[in-house]
């Protein structure tokens, strides 16, 4: 389906007006004139176009300031739905949101990402169908977002040699989903999406310059600069898990190199060392879990750290110190306002957080740490569902994409929307 492209000056005004309405920064036409810097007639025409296409609705009347009360404007959140699926190494999550990013329903279940794209994406497709059926009559699907636990070339939506995802290299995830839903699809690294979710949750609170660090089976970071996610030239900015560190033992990483941060401080490394400690009789706590369940998981170590198991605390603090050394370099280089820890270990471990804080504050420049906050993620331990929705909606309503579908009233029928990485 071929959609017409609007003139540049019209698109600029539409994006400006719609962005202010979406963010809540301006809710009436007079507020839009003041906030956008556009003339009154231009704002009136752009609002009229958005109303005509059903993207914006008049939602009520603003309080009167002495004259005629102005009509309030809002995004037409129920005009469409977004399908979101952040996939992890050992689980899948899927959800449906409205056009404001509000989560309507979701589902989570265990699944090994190593089963390959056909199996995993096929199951995600089944879950999407069930979620939509359970919601009953809904608005049409406007977009799909997928998160993957490995490097993703954002422009193409294809994973690139992901260490823990055999069979996924160069898989056309975007095309697979677009073929089934006939809507735009975006794919990104899971840590970037967690960073977007955290940014959304923070709202206007400090965090416009942020490093979000996922510490779980693997280690990665999402970089936010002036409120915008920084993906780099190809989409792999922030992959700190494979930064080389100095350590007493040489350990081969899943990527094939030796000395990677993830190989020493990630969840796999901690489980390996925890099993060694159990065999040495050093942790009755972990030995009991191993006997009861037949395996140790990184969640067990995080829980052990909270409950005072000495070995768990030692492992988590060692991980935190190694992570802190790498983050200290990033803090000096990037100068963020806040470092946020998430993931199974980062979001749940007091010992790891304490070790990261101590190391970063000790090894970074005083000016870089003077007002630096280092904290765990907020109430959402995994903000990636919200982050996937934010990615899709930000792209759909961006300058590049809005002009391609607005005249038709929705992006349905335009499954591929190429975009360069910012």
Foldseek 3Di string as FASTA:
>chain_A
DFFFFDDQVLLVLLLLQQVCQLLVVDFFLVSSCVVRVDDSVSSVVSVVLCVVLQQKDFDAWDDDPPDDTTTTMHGNQQQAKEWEWEDDQFKIKIFIGTLSLHTDDMDMDTDHLQVEDVVVVVVSVVVVVVRCVVVPDGHAHFEYEYADQAAAQFLQQAGDPGLSHPHRHRPNPLVVVCVVRQHAYTYAYLQQLQLLLLLVVCSPHAFQFEWEWEAEQFIWIWTHHNNHTAQPQGRPPTRQQQPADDDPDWFQDSSGDTRGLRCCQHFVNLQVVVVVCVVVVNWPQVVVVCVVPVGDGSLSLLVCQVVPTPSSLVSLLVSLQSVLVSVLVVLQVRLGQEYEYAHSNRQRHPSSQVNSVVNNCVRHDCVSPVRYYYYYGPPDRRSNSSSRSVVVSCVCSDSQHVSRCSVVSGRRNPHYRRDGRD
